[in-house]
């Protein structure tokens, strides 16, 4: 995991996992359109957004792998009990396709 210096992270930045990288990264609010949230359920996704003060209009809950269809290099946050999802392998497959198409 990279070490960030205080000057690297500005007020309003989000530090989340970006699928185009293998480690957490900084996403600037101005450059962000949507964050795709892979969580155990919608409530976990909304709670995560509220904790990080991310407006719910800026998140898309990944309720199924099809939500990722047509995306190109999406920013993804993994939240809560996401690892227990039965469709996680299919979500990972869709993310691989989204990265290749970017």
N, C-alpha and C. Protein backbone atom coordinates (compact mmCIF):
# COMPACT_ATOMS: atom_id res chain seq x y z
N UNK A 1 0.85 -1.17 0.00
CA UNK A 1 0.00 0.00 0.00
C UNK A 1 0.90 1.24 0.00
N UNK A 2 0.60 2.20 -0.86
CA UNK A 2 1.45 3.39 -0.91
C UNK A 2 1.26 4.26 0.33
N UNK A 3 2.29 5.02 0.63
CA UNK A 3 2.18 5.97 1.73
C UNK A 3 1.90 7.33 1.14
N UNK A 4 0.90 8.01 1.67
CA UNK A 4 0.55 9.35 1.20
C UNK A 4 1.03 10.37 2.20
N UNK A 5 1.60 11.44 1.69
CA UNK A 5 1.98 12.56 2.54
C UNK A 5 0.78 13.48 2.67
N UNK A 6 0.76 14.26 3.71
CA UNK A 6 -0.37 15.15 3.96
C UNK A 6 -0.68 16.02 2.75
N UNK A 7 0.33 16.49 2.05
CA UNK A 7 0.11 17.35 0.89
C UNK A 7 -0.46 16.62 -0.31
N UNK A 8 -0.36 15.29 -0.33
CA UNK A 8 -0.89 14.52 -1.46
C UNK A 8 -2.40 14.50 -1.50
N UNK A 9 -3.01 14.47 -0.32
CA UNK A 9 -4.47 14.36 -0.24
C UNK A 9 -5.03 15.72 0.13
N UNK A 10 -5.91 16.21 -0.72
CA UNK A 10 -6.51 17.52 -0.50
C UNK A 10 -7.91 17.34 0.07
N UNK A 11 -8.42 18.40 0.67
CA UNK A 11 -9.79 18.36 1.19
C UNK A 11 -10.73 17.98 0.05
N UNK A 12 -11.60 17.06 0.31
CA UNK A 12 -12.57 16.65 -0.69
C UNK A 12 -12.14 15.47 -1.53
N UNK A 13 -10.90 14.99 -1.37
CA UNK A 13 -10.45 13.82 -2.11
C UNK A 13 -11.03 12.56 -1.48
N UNK A 14 -11.19 11.54 -2.29
CA UNK A 14 -11.60 10.24 -1.80
C UNK A 14 -10.45 9.29 -2.02
N UNK A 15 -10.14 8.47 -1.05
CA UNK A 15 -9.11 7.45 -1.21
C UNK A 15 -9.84 6.12 -1.28
N UNK A 16 -9.90 5.56 -2.48
CA UNK A 16 -10.64 4.32 -2.70
C UNK A 16 -9.87 3.45 -3.68
N UNK A 17 -10.32 2.21 -3.82
CA UNK A 17 -9.69 1.30 -4.75
C UNK A 17 -10.18 1.58 -6.16
N UNK A 18 -9.26 1.77 -7.05
CA UNK A 18 -9.56 2.00 -8.46
C UNK A 18 -9.20 0.72 -9.19
N UNK A 19 -10.11 0.15 -9.97
CA UNK A 19 -9.86 -1.13 -10.61
C UNK A 19 -8.74 -1.08 -11.64
N UNK A 20 -8.34 0.10 -12.07
CA UNK A 20 -7.27 0.17 -13.05
C UNK A 20 -5.89 0.08 -12.39
N UNK A 21 -5.87 0.02 -11.07
CA UNK A 21 -4.61 -0.06 -10.33
C UNK A 21 -4.71 -1.25 -9.37
N UNK A 22 -3.58 -1.66 -8.86
CA UNK A 22 -3.59 -2.80 -7.94
C UNK A 22 -3.59 -2.34 -6.48
N UNK A 23 -3.64 -1.05 -6.25
CA UNK A 23 -3.59 -0.53 -4.89
C UNK A 23 -4.50 0.68 -4.77
N UNK A 24 -4.81 1.08 -3.55
CA UNK A 24 -5.68 2.25 -3.39
C UNK A 24 -5.08 3.49 -4.05
N UNK A 25 -5.95 4.37 -4.49
CA UNK A 25 -5.49 5.59 -5.13
C UNK A 25 -6.36 6.77 -4.72
N UNK A 26 -5.94 7.94 -5.10
CA UNK A 26 -6.68 9.16 -4.78
C UNK A 26 -7.55 9.52 -5.97
N UNK A 27 -8.81 9.76 -5.73
CA UNK A 27 -9.73 10.18 -6.79
C UNK A 27 -10.21 11.58 -6.44
N UNK A 28 -9.97 12.52 -7.32
CA UNK A 28 -10.38 13.90 -7.09
C UNK A 28 -11.86 14.06 -7.41
N UNK A 29 -12.55 14.82 -6.58
CA UNK A 29 -13.99 15.04 -6.82
C UNK A 29 -14.25 15.59 -8.21
N UNK A 30 -13.42 16.51 -8.65
CA UNK A 30 -13.67 17.16 -9.94
C UNK A 30 -13.54 16.18 -11.11
N UNK A 31 -12.74 15.11 -10.94
CA UNK A 31 -12.53 14.18 -12.03
C UNK A 31 -13.46 12.97 -11.94
N UNK A 32 -14.28 12.94 -10.92
CA UNK A 32 -15.10 11.76 -10.66
C UNK A 32 -16.50 11.93 -11.23
N UNK A 33 -16.96 10.91 -11.94
CA UNK A 33 -18.35 10.93 -12.35
C UNK A 33 -19.15 10.01 -11.43
N UNK A 34 -18.87 8.73 -11.47
CA UNK A 34 -19.58 7.77 -10.63
C UNK A 34 -18.59 6.82 -9.97
N UNK A 35 -18.95 6.37 -8.78
CA UNK A 35 -18.20 5.32 -8.10
C UNK A 35 -19.12 4.10 -8.06
N UNK A 36 -18.65 3.01 -8.61
CA UNK A 36 -19.41 1.76 -8.60
C UNK A 36 -19.08 1.05 -7.30
N UNK A 37 -20.10 0.81 -6.47
CA UNK A 37 -19.89 0.25 -5.14
C UNK A 37 -20.33 -1.22 -5.12
N UNK A 38 -19.35 -2.08 -4.90
CA UNK A 38 -19.62 -3.51 -4.74
C UNK A 38 -19.71 -3.73 -3.23
N UNK A 39 -20.91 -4.00 -2.76
CA UNK A 39 -21.17 -4.19 -1.33
C UNK A 39 -22.06 -5.40 -1.15
N UNK A 40 -22.19 -5.82 0.09
CA UNK A 40 -23.06 -6.95 0.39
C UNK A 40 -24.51 -6.65 0.10
N UNK A 41 -24.91 -5.39 0.26
CA UNK A 41 -26.28 -4.98 -0.04
C UNK A 41 -26.33 -3.45 -0.21
N UNK A 42 -27.45 -2.96 -0.64
CA UNK A 42 -27.62 -1.53 -0.90
C UNK A 42 -27.41 -0.69 0.36
N UNK A 43 -27.87 -1.18 1.51
CA UNK A 43 -27.71 -0.43 2.74
C UNK A 43 -26.24 -0.20 3.07
N UNK A 44 -25.40 -1.21 2.85
CA UNK A 44 -23.97 -1.05 3.09
C UNK A 44 -23.37 0.00 2.15
N UNK A 45 -23.80 -0.01 0.90
CA UNK A 45 -23.31 0.97 -0.07
C UNK A 45 -23.70 2.39 0.35
N UNK A 46 -24.94 2.58 0.75
CA UNK A 46 -25.40 3.90 1.18
C UNK A 46 -24.70 4.35 2.46
N UNK A 47 -24.52 3.43 3.38
CA UNK A 47 -23.83 3.77 4.63
C UNK A 47 -22.40 4.21 4.34
N UNK A 48 -21.71 3.46 3.47
CA UNK A 48 -20.33 3.81 3.10
C UNK A 48 -20.29 5.20 2.48
N UNK A 49 -21.22 5.48 1.59
CA UNK A 49 -21.25 6.80 0.95
C UNK A 49 -21.48 7.90 1.97
N UNK A 50 -22.38 7.67 2.91
CA UNK A 50 -22.65 8.70 3.92
C UNK A 50 -21.45 8.91 4.84
N UNK A 51 -20.75 7.83 5.19
CA UNK A 51 -19.58 7.94 6.06
C UNK A 51 -18.47 8.77 5.40
N UNK A 52 -18.33 8.65 4.08
CA UNK A 52 -17.30 9.39 3.36
C UNK A 52 -17.85 10.66 2.71
N UNK A 53 -19.10 10.99 3.08
CA UNK A 53 -19.76 12.21 2.57
C UNK A 53 -19.76 12.28 1.05
N UNK A 54 -20.05 11.15 0.45
CA UNK A 54 -20.18 11.07 -1.00
C UNK A 54 -21.67 11.11 -1.30
N UNK A 55 -22.13 12.06 -2.08
CA UNK A 55 -23.55 12.12 -2.39
C UNK A 55 -24.00 10.82 -3.09
N UNK A 56 -25.16 10.33 -2.70
CA UNK A 56 -25.64 9.08 -3.29
C UNK A 56 -25.82 9.19 -4.80
N UNK A 57 -25.98 10.39 -5.33
CA UNK A 57 -26.09 10.54 -6.78
C UNK A 57 -24.76 10.21 -7.48
N UNK A 58 -23.66 10.16 -6.71
CA UNK A 58 -22.35 9.86 -7.29
C UNK A 58 -21.97 8.39 -7.17
N UNK A 59 -22.85 7.58 -6.57
CA UNK A 59 -22.54 6.16 -6.47
C UNK A 59 -23.55 5.34 -7.25
N UNK A 60 -23.07 4.19 -7.71
CA UNK A 60 -23.93 3.21 -8.37
C UNK A 60 -23.70 1.91 -7.63
N UNK A 61 -24.74 1.41 -6.99
CA UNK A 61 -24.64 0.12 -6.30
C UNK A 61 -24.63 -0.98 -7.35
N UNK A 62 -23.63 -1.85 -7.29
CA UNK A 62 -23.51 -2.95 -8.24
C UNK A 62 -24.37 -4.10 -7.70
N UNK A 63 -25.63 -4.07 -8.09
CA UNK A 63 -26.58 -5.09 -7.62
C UNK A 63 -26.41 -6.40 -8.39
N UNK A 64 -25.81 -6.34 -9.56
CA UNK A 64 -25.53 -7.52 -10.36
C UNK A 64 -24.38 -7.19 -11.32
N UNK A 65 -23.74 -8.19 -11.89
CA UNK A 65 -22.67 -7.92 -12.84
C UNK A 65 -23.12 -7.09 -14.04
N UNK A 66 -24.38 -7.20 -14.40
CA UNK A 66 -24.89 -6.45 -15.56
C UNK A 66 -24.83 -4.94 -15.37
N UNK A 67 -24.79 -4.48 -14.14
CA UNK A 67 -24.69 -3.03 -13.88
C UNK A 67 -23.40 -2.48 -14.49
N UNK A 68 -22.37 -3.32 -14.57
CA UNK A 68 -21.07 -2.89 -15.10
C UNK A 68 -20.98 -2.99 -16.62
N UNK A 69 -21.97 -3.56 -17.24
CA UNK A 69 -21.95 -3.73 -18.70
C UNK A 69 -21.88 -2.36 -19.38
N UNK A 70 -20.94 -2.23 -20.30
CA UNK A 70 -20.81 -0.98 -21.05
C UNK A 70 -19.95 0.07 -20.38
N UNK A 71 -19.44 -0.20 -19.18
CA UNK A 71 -18.58 0.77 -18.51
C UNK A 71 -17.17 0.68 -19.07
N UNK A 72 -16.43 1.74 -18.92
CA UNK A 72 -15.05 1.77 -19.38
C UNK A 72 -14.16 2.26 -18.24
N UNK A 73 -13.34 1.35 -17.74
CA UNK A 73 -12.40 1.64 -16.65
C UNK A 73 -13.09 2.31 -15.46
N UNK A 74 -14.12 1.67 -14.89
CA UNK A 74 -14.85 2.30 -13.79
C UNK A 74 -14.05 2.38 -12.50
N UNK A 75 -14.37 3.37 -11.68
CA UNK A 75 -13.81 3.47 -10.33
C UNK A 75 -14.71 2.64 -9.43
N UNK A 76 -14.10 1.72 -8.68
CA UNK A 76 -14.88 0.76 -7.89
C UNK A 76 -14.42 0.79 -6.44
N UNK A 77 -15.39 0.77 -5.53
CA UNK A 77 -15.12 0.65 -4.10
C UNK A 77 -15.70 -0.68 -3.64
N UNK A 78 -14.94 -1.43 -2.86
CA UNK A 78 -15.41 -2.69 -2.29
C UNK A 78 -15.73 -2.44 -0.83
N UNK A 79 -16.97 -2.74 -0.44
CA UNK A 79 -17.49 -2.29 0.85
C UNK A 79 -18.17 -3.44 1.59
N UNK A 80 -18.02 -3.41 2.89
CA UNK A 80 -18.79 -4.33 3.75
C UNK A 80 -18.55 -5.79 3.44
N UNK A 81 -19.62 -6.52 3.29
CA UNK A 81 -19.56 -7.97 3.11
C UNK A 81 -19.54 -8.36 1.64
N UNK A 82 -18.92 -7.55 0.80
CA UNK A 82 -18.89 -7.83 -0.64
C UNK A 82 -18.29 -9.21 -0.93
N UNK A 83 -17.32 -9.66 -0.13
CA UNK A 83 -16.63 -10.92 -0.40
C UNK A 83 -17.55 -12.13 -0.26
N UNK A 84 -18.70 -11.95 0.38
CA UNK A 84 -19.65 -13.05 0.55
C UNK A 84 -20.64 -13.17 -0.60
N UNK A 85 -20.56 -12.25 -1.56
CA UNK A 85 -21.52 -12.28 -2.68
C UNK A 85 -21.29 -13.50 -3.56
N UNK A 86 -22.37 -14.14 -3.95
CA UNK A 86 -22.29 -15.33 -4.79
C UNK A 86 -21.93 -14.99 -6.24
N UNK A 87 -22.15 -13.74 -6.64
CA UNK A 87 -21.85 -13.33 -8.01
C UNK A 87 -20.53 -12.57 -8.14
N UNK A 88 -19.67 -12.65 -7.12
CA UNK A 88 -18.44 -11.87 -7.12
C UNK A 88 -17.51 -12.23 -8.28
N UNK A 89 -17.41 -13.52 -8.62
CA UNK A 89 -16.56 -13.92 -9.74
C UNK A 89 -17.05 -13.30 -11.06
N UNK A 90 -18.36 -13.24 -11.23
CA UNK A 90 -18.91 -12.64 -12.45
C UNK A 90 -18.69 -11.13 -12.46
N UNK A 91 -18.73 -10.50 -11.29
CA UNK A 91 -18.44 -9.06 -11.20
C UNK A 91 -16.99 -8.83 -11.61
N UNK A 92 -16.07 -9.65 -11.10
CA UNK A 92 -14.66 -9.52 -11.47
C UNK A 92 -14.47 -9.70 -12.98
N UNK A 93 -15.19 -10.64 -13.57
CA UNK A 93 -15.10 -10.85 -15.03
C UNK A 93 -15.54 -9.60 -15.78
N UNK A 94 -16.64 -9.00 -15.35
CA UNK A 94 -17.13 -7.79 -16.01
C UNK A 94 -16.13 -6.64 -15.86
N UNK A 95 -15.48 -6.56 -14.70
CA UNK A 95 -14.48 -5.51 -14.49
C UNK A 95 -13.26 -5.72 -15.38
N UNK A 96 -12.88 -6.97 -15.61
CA UNK A 96 -11.76 -7.24 -16.53
C UNK A 96 -12.11 -6.75 -17.93
N UNK A 97 -13.33 -7.03 -18.36
CA UNK A 97 -13.79 -6.57 -19.68
C UNK A 97 -13.79 -5.05 -19.74
N UNK A 98 -14.24 -4.41 -18.67
CA UNK A 98 -14.30 -2.93 -18.63
C UNK A 98 -12.89 -2.33 -18.69
N UNK A 99 -11.92 -2.99 -18.10
CA UNK A 99 -10.54 -2.48 -18.14
C UNK A 99 -9.93 -2.66 -19.51
N UNK A 100 -10.18 -3.79 -20.14
CA UNK A 100 -9.62 -4.07 -21.47
C UNK A 100 -10.20 -3.09 -22.48
N UNK A 101 -11.47 -2.76 -22.33
CA UNK A 101 -12.13 -1.86 -23.28
C UNK A 101 -11.77 -0.40 -23.09
N UNK A 102 -11.06 -0.08 -22.02
CA UNK A 102 -10.74 1.34 -21.73
C UNK A 102 -9.68 1.88 -22.67
